[in-house]
Amino acid sequence: NLYVGTDNVGGAAGLVLVRTTIDGAYATSKTGPDTGSYNGFLTLNVFNGLLFATYWDSGPNSLILSFDGTTWTTLYTGATTTQRPFTSQFVWNNSLFVVGGSKSFGAVLLESDSGAIFTDRTQFMTGGTTTETTVPAIGLVGL
């Protein structure tokens, strides 16, 4: 299956769409929790057999979710210093890393070795919580 994260500028919630090899049509797999301005699923990645998605809206909601092929689960909700748009994911040394930030927010770095619990590792970035920015992007991955 092909999964695509979408975004919206308001009035409708971002979606995760899935396209199956059976009929080649897109269907909604997940709808974001808010319809506020600038919302969407910014990144998708596969780790430990699960699909991970990051979601942001100006509510603000900053979420990391996982999908096991049947059920979507919210694993992480940003708070205070981690309330950021999560704009990138990568796997290194058997851990999933999630990076975030924007023009209005400092950078953040989260790590999970299991995909279930995320630890704030921002202090390992130069200067701790920085004023550097990252650019939001829409994620696309095959699973």
C-alpha atoms as a PDB file:
ATOM      1  CA  ASN A   1       0.000   0.000   0.000  1.00  0.00           C
ATOM      2  CA  LEU A   2       0.994   3.599  -0.598  1.00  0.00           C
ATOM      3  CA  TYR A   3       0.341   6.128   2.199  1.00  0.00           C
ATOM      4  CA  VAL A   4       0.243   9.899   1.597  1.00  0.00           C
ATOM      5  CA  GLY A   5       0.051  12.618   4.261  1.00  0.00           C
ATOM      6  CA  THR A   6      -1.899  15.742   3.301  1.00  0.00           C
ATOM      7  CA  ASP A   7      -2.258  19.218   4.770  1.00  0.00           C
ATOM      8  CA  ASN A   8      -4.831  22.021   4.724  1.00  0.00           C
ATOM      9  CA  VAL A   9      -4.834  25.740   5.408  1.00  0.00           C
ATOM     10  CA  GLY A  10      -8.137  25.637   7.278  1.00  0.00           C
ATOM     11  CA  GLY A  11     -11.705  24.438   7.177  1.00  0.00           C
ATOM     12  CA  ALA A  12     -10.819  20.754   6.793  1.00  0.00           C
ATOM     13  CA  ALA A  13      -8.525  18.392   8.649  1.00  0.00           C
ATOM     14  CA  GLY A  14      -5.406  16.904   7.071  1.00  0.00           C
ATOM     15  CA  LEU A  15      -5.628  13.275   6.040  1.00  0.00           C
ATOM     16  CA  VAL A  16      -3.521  10.185   5.633  1.00  0.00           C
ATOM     17  CA  LEU A  17      -4.625   8.610   2.374  1.00  0.00           C
ATOM     18  CA  VAL A  18      -3.970   5.006   1.378  1.00  0.00           C
ATOM     19  CA  ARG A  19      -3.844   3.614  -2.126  1.00  0.00           C
ATOM     20  CA  THR A  20      -4.114  -0.141  -2.400  1.00  0.00           C
ATOM     21  CA  THR A  21      -2.817  -2.352  -5.172  1.00  0.00           C
ATOM     22  CA  ILE A  22      -6.250  -4.003  -5.376  1.00  0.00           C
ATOM     23  CA  ASP A  23      -8.231  -1.144  -6.910  1.00  0.00           C
ATOM     24  CA  GLY A  24      -5.653   1.663  -7.259  1.00  0.00           C
ATOM     25  CA  ALA A  25      -8.016   4.176  -5.631  1.00  0.00           C
ATOM     26  CA  TYR A  26      -7.219   6.452  -2.688  1.00  0.00           C
ATOM     27  CA  ALA A  27      -9.175   6.118   0.555  1.00  0.00           C
ATOM     28  CA  THR A  28      -8.902   7.892   3.908  1.00  0.00           C
ATOM     29  CA  SER A  29      -6.888   5.951   6.482  1.00  0.00           C
ATOM     30  CA  LYS A  30      -6.745   8.689   9.159  1.00  0.00           C
ATOM     31  CA  THR A  31      -8.311  12.136   9.627  1.00  0.00           C
ATOM     32  CA  GLY A  32      -6.492  14.730  11.723  1.00  0.00           C
ATOM     33  CA  PRO A  33      -8.070  15.838  15.020  1.00  0.00           C
ATOM     34  CA  ASP A  34      -8.481  19.534  14.131  1.00  0.00           C
ATOM     35  CA  THR A  35      -9.550  21.712  11.210  1.00  0.00           C
ATOM     36  CA  GLY A  36      -7.672  24.843  12.307  1.00  0.00           C
ATOM     37  CA  SER A  37      -5.441  26.777   9.974  1.00  0.00           C
ATOM     38  CA  TYR A  38      -2.206  25.118   8.833  1.00  0.00           C
ATOM     39  CA  ASN A  39      -2.883  21.530   9.838  1.00  0.00           C
ATOM     40  CA  GLY A  40      -1.665  18.275   8.390  1.00  0.00           C
ATOM     41  CA  PHE A  41       0.324  15.081   8.502  1.00  0.00           C
ATOM     42  CA  LEU A  42       3.837  16.369   7.826  1.00  0.00           C
ATOM     43  CA  THR A  43       5.917  13.167   7.773  1.00  0.00           C
ATOM     44  CA  LEU A  44       5.499   9.413   7.365  1.00  0.00           C
ATOM     45  CA  ASN A  45       8.074   6.713   8.095  1.00  0.00           C
ATOM     46  CA  VAL A  46       8.245   2.963   8.739  1.00  0.00           C
ATOM     47  CA  PHE A  47       9.937   1.744  11.926  1.00  0.00           C
ATOM     48  CA  ASN A  48       9.698  -1.630  13.710  1.00  0.00           C
ATOM     49  CA  GLY A  49       6.963  -2.760  11.316  1.00  0.00           C
ATOM     50  CA  LEU A  50       4.697   0.226  12.053  1.00  0.00           C
ATOM     51  CA  LEU A  51       3.849   3.316  10.029  1.00  0.00           C
ATOM     52  CA  PHE A  52       4.650   6.501  11.970  1.00  0.00           C
ATOM     53  CA  ALA A  53       3.031   9.834  11.159  1.00  0.00           C
ATOM     54  CA  THR A  54       3.548  13.289  12.608  1.00  0.00           C
ATOM     55  CA  TYR A  55       0.629  15.712  12.821  1.00  0.00           C
ATOM     56  CA  TRP A  56       0.538  19.460  13.460  1.00  0.00           C
ATOM     57  CA  ASP A  57      -2.162  22.079  13.650  1.00  0.00           C
ATOM     58  CA  SER A  58      -2.176  25.634  14.902  1.00  0.00           C
ATOM     59  CA  GLY A  59      -4.494  24.615  17.765  1.00  0.00           C
ATOM     60  CA  PRO A  60      -1.731  23.773  18.668  1.00  0.00           C
ATOM     61  CA  ASN A  61      -1.522  19.991  18.417  1.00  0.00           C
ATOM     62  CA  SER A  62       1.828  18.333  17.906  1.00  0.00           C
ATOM     63  CA  LEU A  63       1.417  14.560  17.674  1.00  0.00           C
ATOM     64  CA  ILE A  64       3.281  11.377  16.794  1.00  0.00           C
ATOM     65  CA  LEU A  65       1.003   8.510  15.779  1.00  0.00           C
ATOM     66  CA  SER A  66       1.569   4.898  14.748  1.00  0.00           C
ATOM     67  CA  PHE A  67      -0.440   2.583  12.515  1.00  0.00           C
ATOM     68  CA  ASP A  68      -0.236  -1.215  12.656  1.00  0.00           C
ATOM     69  CA  GLY A  69      -2.286  -1.806   9.510  1.00  0.00           C
ATOM     70  CA  THR A  70      -5.561  -1.736  11.451  1.00  0.00           C
ATOM     71  CA  THR A  71      -5.461   0.805  14.288  1.00  0.00           C
ATOM     72  CA  TRP A  72      -4.025   4.333  14.606  1.00  0.00           C
ATOM     73  CA  THR A  73      -2.549   5.123  18.052  1.00  0.00           C
ATOM     74  CA  THR A  74      -1.359   8.487  19.411  1.00  0.00           C
ATOM     75  CA  LEU A  75       2.043   7.814  21.005  1.00  0.00           C
ATOM     76  CA  TYR A  76       3.305  11.294  21.776  1.00  0.00           C
ATOM     77  CA  THR A  77       1.722  14.679  22.363  1.00  0.00           C
ATOM     78  CA  GLY A  78       3.990  17.711  22.386  1.00  0.00           C
ATOM     79  CA  ALA A  79       3.990  19.981  25.431  1.00  0.00           C
ATOM     80  CA  THR A  80       5.746  23.276  26.220  1.00  0.00           C
ATOM     81  CA  THR A  81       9.257  22.856  24.725  1.00  0.00           C
ATOM     82  CA  THR A  82       8.235  20.058  22.322  1.00  0.00           C
ATOM     83  CA  GLN A  83       5.045  21.699  21.015  1.00  0.00           C
ATOM     84  CA  ARG A  84       6.431  22.024  17.487  1.00  0.00           C
ATOM     85  CA  PRO A  85       5.602  20.966  13.946  1.00  0.00           C
ATOM     86  CA  PHE A  86       7.495  17.666  13.574  1.00  0.00           C
ATOM     87  CA  THR A  87       8.944  18.030  10.085  1.00  0.00           C
ATOM     88  CA  SER A  88      11.329  15.096   9.680  1.00  0.00           C
ATOM     89  CA  GLN A  89      11.809  11.490  10.784  1.00  0.00           C
ATOM     90  CA  PHE A  90      14.804   9.223  10.352  1.00  0.00           C
ATOM     91  CA  VAL A  91      16.082   5.903  11.664  1.00  0.00           C
ATOM     92  CA  TRP A  92      19.641   5.634  12.931  1.00  0.00           C
ATOM     93  CA  ASN A  93      21.332   3.060  15.150  1.00  0.00           C
ATOM     94  CA  ASN A  94      18.033   1.160  15.724  1.00  0.00           C
ATOM     95  CA  SER A  95      16.229   4.279  16.979  1.00  0.00           C
ATOM     96  CA  LEU A  96      13.553   6.486  15.433  1.00  0.00           C
ATOM     97  CA  PHE A  97      14.339  10.201  15.565  1.00  0.00           C
ATOM     98  CA  VAL A  98      11.757  12.947  15.044  1.00  0.00           C
ATOM     99  CA  VAL A  99      12.864  16.524  14.387  1.00  0.00           C
ATOM    100  CA  GLY A 100      10.711  19.636  14.517  1.00  0.00           C
ATOM    101  CA  GLY A 101      10.621  23.387  14.556  1.00  0.00           C
ATOM    102  CA  SER A 102       9.457  26.326  12.492  1.00  0.00           C
ATOM    103  CA  LYS A 103       9.866  30.067  12.122  1.00  0.00           C
ATOM    104  CA  SER A 104       7.927  30.649  15.352  1.00  0.00           C
ATOM    105  CA  PHE A 105       9.373  27.752  17.368  1.00  0.00           C
ATOM    106  CA  GLY A 106      12.852  26.571  18.275  1.00  0.00           C
ATOM    107  CA  ALA A 107      14.085  23.188  17.106  1.00  0.00           C
ATOM    108  CA  VAL A 108      13.322  19.911  18.898  1.00  0.00           C
ATOM    109  CA  LEU A 109      14.783  16.393  18.646  1.00  0.00           C
ATOM    110  CA  LEU A 110      12.952  13.322  19.972  1.00  0.00           C
ATOM    111  CA  GLU A 111      14.216   9.712  20.073  1.00  0.00           C
ATOM    112  CA  SER A 112      12.567   6.313  20.540  1.00  0.00           C
ATOM    113  CA  ASP A 113      14.336   2.961  20.527  1.00  0.00           C
ATOM    114  CA  SER A 114      11.057   1.023  20.647  1.00  0.00           C
ATOM    115  CA  GLY A 115       8.619   3.275  18.794  1.00  0.00           C
ATOM    116  CA  ALA A 116       6.463   3.450  21.927  1.00  0.00           C
ATOM    117  CA  ILE A 117       8.156   5.982  24.218  1.00  0.00           C
ATOM    118  CA  PHE A 118       9.812   9.177  22.946  1.00  0.00           C
ATOM    119  CA  THR A 119      12.550  11.012  24.853  1.00  0.00           C
ATOM    120  CA  ASP A 120      13.417  14.674  24.330  1.00  0.00           C
ATOM    121  CA  ARG A 121      17.033  14.819  23.093  1.00  0.00           C
ATOM    122  CA  THR A 122      17.040  18.516  22.173  1.00  0.00           C
ATOM    123  CA  GLN A 123      19.836  19.212  24.669  1.00  0.00           C
ATOM    124  CA  PHE A 124      22.197  17.272  22.364  1.00  0.00           C
ATOM    125  CA  MET A 125      21.651  19.817  19.595  1.00  0.00           C
ATOM    126  CA  THR A 126      24.103  22.710  19.525  1.00  0.00           C
ATOM    127  CA  GLY A 127      23.021  25.104  22.258  1.00  0.00           C
ATOM    128  CA  GLY A 128      20.104  22.967  23.484  1.00  0.00           C
ATOM    129  CA  THR A 129      16.737  24.428  22.447  1.00  0.00           C
ATOM    130  CA  THR A 130      17.807  26.486  19.477  1.00  0.00           C
ATOM    131  CA  THR A 131      16.322  29.263  17.444  1.00  0.00           C
ATOM    132  CA  GLU A 132      17.142  27.393  14.233  1.00  0.00           C
ATOM    133  CA  THR A 133      14.242  26.440  12.017  1.00  0.00           C
ATOM    134  CA  THR A 134      13.188  23.502   9.874  1.00  0.00           C
ATOM    135  CA  VAL A 135      10.842  23.533   6.910  1.00  0.00           C
ATOM    136  CA  PRO A 136       7.513  21.611   6.977  1.00  0.00           C
ATOM    137  CA  ALA A 137       7.130  18.939   4.308  1.00  0.00           C
ATOM    138  CA  ILE A 138       4.557  16.355   3.299  1.00  0.00           C
ATOM    139  CA  GLY A 139       5.667  12.742   3.748  1.00  0.00           C
ATOM    140  CA  LEU A 140       5.184   9.819   1.364  1.00  0.00           C
ATOM    141  CA  VAL A 141       6.143   6.187   1.969  1.00  0.00           C
ATOM    142  CA  GLY A 142       5.237   2.719   0.705  1.00  0.00           C
ATOM    143  CA  LEU A 143       4.368   0.034   3.271  1.00  0.00           C
END
